[in-house]
Amino acid sequence: MLLKLHRISPADVRAVMEQFEALDLDGSGSLDHQDVLLARAAAKAKRRDRRRRLGAVPGTGAGNGSKGGAASGGADGVKSSNGFSEEAVV
């Protein structure tokens, strides 16, 4: 409907579908609580691996240019109003 009304472009639809597929980790075709938990765990592991590669110590903010790291809302742990980190939901 939005495409027919020219409110969004086909590229917008593709971007949303790609994001949906990235979040639908179990391939069920719907997003549920388990998908969100899996996405959060994957994002947390990705941040942990990135910190290890940079030689940072988790929780100190060392090596990532922030003061306080994810716990204080650093760049890698920004919380949205629903309590999820942006990386996990985006």
C-alpha atoms as a PDB file:
ATOM      1  CA  MET A   1       0.000   0.000   0.000  1.00  0.00           C
ATOM      2  CA  LEU A   2       2.760   2.460   0.924  1.00  0.00           C
ATOM      3  CA  LEU A   3       4.535   1.648  -2.320  1.00  0.00           C
ATOM      4  CA  LYS A   4       1.387   2.293  -4.351  1.00  0.00           C
ATOM      5  CA  LEU A   5       0.917   5.640  -2.614  1.00  0.00           C
ATOM      6  CA  HIS A   6       4.589   6.482  -3.258  1.00  0.00           C
ATOM      7  CA  ARG A   7       5.160   7.048   0.463  1.00  0.00           C
ATOM      8  CA  ILE A   8       8.191   4.763   0.477  1.00  0.00           C
ATOM      9  CA  SER A   9      10.584   3.496  -2.158  1.00  0.00           C
ATOM     10  CA  PRO A  10      11.382  -0.097  -3.100  1.00  0.00           C
ATOM     11  CA  ALA A  11      14.821   0.511  -1.548  1.00  0.00           C
ATOM     12  CA  ASP A  12      13.101   1.327   1.772  1.00  0.00           C
ATOM     13  CA  VAL A  13      11.156  -1.934   1.618  1.00  0.00           C
ATOM     14  CA  ARG A  14      14.345  -3.881   0.857  1.00  0.00           C
ATOM     15  CA  ALA A  15      16.153  -2.238   3.792  1.00  0.00           C
ATOM     16  CA  VAL A  16      13.342  -3.115   6.203  1.00  0.00           C
ATOM     17  CA  MET A  17      13.148  -6.690   4.911  1.00  0.00           C
ATOM     18  CA  GLU A  18      16.914  -7.128   5.264  1.00  0.00           C
ATOM     19  CA  GLN A  19      16.750  -5.893   8.847  1.00  0.00           C
ATOM     20  CA  PHE A  20      13.778  -8.172   9.568  1.00  0.00           C
ATOM     21  CA  GLU A  21      15.628 -11.173   8.184  1.00  0.00           C
ATOM     22  CA  ALA A  22      18.670 -10.298  10.292  1.00  0.00           C
ATOM     23  CA  LEU A  23      16.502 -10.220  13.425  1.00  0.00           C
ATOM     24  CA  ASP A  24      14.446 -13.327  12.577  1.00  0.00           C
ATOM     25  CA  LEU A  25      17.251 -15.602  13.725  1.00  0.00           C
ATOM     26  CA  ASP A  26      15.103 -18.731  13.919  1.00  0.00           C
ATOM     27  CA  GLY A  27      13.680 -18.193  10.411  1.00  0.00           C
ATOM     28  CA  SER A  28      10.069 -18.419  11.587  1.00  0.00           C
ATOM     29  CA  GLY A  29       8.882 -15.416   9.588  1.00  0.00           C
ATOM     30  CA  SER A  30       7.870 -13.523  12.708  1.00  0.00           C
ATOM     31  CA  LEU A  31       9.743 -11.714  15.450  1.00  0.00           C
ATOM     32  CA  ASP A  32       9.166 -12.935  18.960  1.00  0.00           C
ATOM     33  CA  HIS A  33      10.762 -12.648  22.382  1.00  0.00           C
ATOM     34  CA  GLN A  34      13.271 -15.406  21.605  1.00  0.00           C
ATOM     35  CA  ASP A  35      14.466 -13.568  18.473  1.00  0.00           C
ATOM     36  CA  VAL A  36      15.048 -10.411  20.530  1.00  0.00           C
ATOM     37  CA  LEU A  37      16.975 -12.363  23.166  1.00  0.00           C
ATOM     38  CA  LEU A  38      19.124 -14.016  20.492  1.00  0.00           C
ATOM     39  CA  ALA A  39      19.796 -10.675  18.780  1.00  0.00           C
ATOM     40  CA  ARG A  40      20.781  -9.074  22.097  1.00  0.00           C
ATOM     41  CA  ALA A  41      23.148 -11.955  22.882  1.00  0.00           C
ATOM     42  CA  ALA A  42      24.697 -11.728  19.411  1.00  0.00           C
ATOM     43  CA  ALA A  43      25.198  -7.962  19.763  1.00  0.00           C
ATOM     44  CA  LYS A  44      26.754  -8.427  23.203  1.00  0.00           C
ATOM     45  CA  ALA A  45      29.167 -11.052  21.842  1.00  0.00           C
ATOM     46  CA  LYS A  46      30.061  -8.765  18.937  1.00  0.00           C
ATOM     47  CA  ARG A  47      30.848  -5.882  21.314  1.00  0.00           C
ATOM     48  CA  ARG A  48      32.902  -8.206  23.553  1.00  0.00           C
ATOM     49  CA  ASP A  49      34.912  -9.459  20.571  1.00  0.00           C
ATOM     50  CA  ARG A  50      35.485  -5.900  19.351  1.00  0.00           C
ATOM     51  CA  ARG A  51      36.758  -4.886  22.798  1.00  0.00           C
ATOM     52  CA  ARG A  52      39.116  -7.861  22.864  1.00  0.00           C
ATOM     53  CA  ARG A  53      40.527  -6.932  19.460  1.00  0.00           C
ATOM     54  CA  LEU A  54      41.064  -3.364  20.666  1.00  0.00           C
ATOM     55  CA  GLY A  55      42.616  -4.536  23.921  1.00  0.00           C
ATOM     56  CA  ALA A  56      39.942  -2.870  26.028  1.00  0.00           C
ATOM     57  CA  VAL A  57      38.940  -4.000  29.485  1.00  0.00           C
ATOM     58  CA  PRO A  58      35.145  -4.572  29.717  1.00  0.00           C
ATOM     59  CA  GLY A  59      33.330  -2.099  31.947  1.00  0.00           C
ATOM     60  CA  THR A  60      36.138   0.461  32.105  1.00  0.00           C
ATOM     61  CA  GLY A  61      35.612   2.151  28.769  1.00  0.00           C
ATOM     62  CA  ALA A  62      39.317   1.686  28.014  1.00  0.00           C
ATOM     63  CA  GLY A  63      40.100   1.456  24.339  1.00  0.00           C
ATOM     64  CA  ASN A  64      36.735   2.640  23.045  1.00  0.00           C
ATOM     65  CA  GLY A  65      36.977   6.373  23.644  1.00  0.00           C
ATOM     66  CA  SER A  66      34.119   6.529  26.146  1.00  0.00           C
ATOM     67  CA  LYS A  67      34.070   7.022  29.873  1.00  0.00           C
ATOM     68  CA  GLY A  68      32.269   4.170  31.535  1.00  0.00           C
ATOM     69  CA  GLY A  69      31.501   1.976  28.524  1.00  0.00           C
ATOM     70  CA  ALA A  70      28.101   0.379  27.979  1.00  0.00           C
ATOM     71  CA  ALA A  71      26.920   0.723  31.571  1.00  0.00           C
ATOM     72  CA  SER A  72      26.967   4.500  31.356  1.00  0.00           C
ATOM     73  CA  GLY A  73      25.492   4.682  27.864  1.00  0.00           C
ATOM     74  CA  GLY A  74      28.739   4.759  25.886  1.00  0.00           C
ATOM     75  CA  ALA A  75      28.666   4.538  22.106  1.00  0.00           C
ATOM     76  CA  ASP A  76      28.493   0.752  22.157  1.00  0.00           C
ATOM     77  CA  GLY A  77      25.698   0.440  24.712  1.00  0.00           C
ATOM     78  CA  VAL A  78      23.215   3.231  24.075  1.00  0.00           C
ATOM     79  CA  LYS A  79      19.865   2.297  25.551  1.00  0.00           C
ATOM     80  CA  SER A  80      16.602   3.146  23.847  1.00  0.00           C
ATOM     81  CA  SER A  81      13.404   3.958  25.724  1.00  0.00           C
ATOM     82  CA  ASN A  82      12.406   0.273  25.704  1.00  0.00           C
ATOM     83  CA  GLY A  83      15.579  -0.810  27.516  1.00  0.00           C
ATOM     84  CA  PHE A  84      17.247  -2.539  24.561  1.00  0.00           C
ATOM     85  CA  SER A  85      20.572  -1.401  23.223  1.00  0.00           C
ATOM     86  CA  GLU A  86      20.365   0.173  19.779  1.00  0.00           C
ATOM     87  CA  GLU A  87      22.775  -2.367  18.291  1.00  0.00           C
ATOM     88  CA  ALA A  88      20.606  -5.251  19.398  1.00  0.00           C
ATOM     89  CA  VAL A  89      17.427  -3.865  17.943  1.00  0.00           C
ATOM     90  CA  VAL A  90      18.633  -2.086  14.853  1.00  0.00           C
END
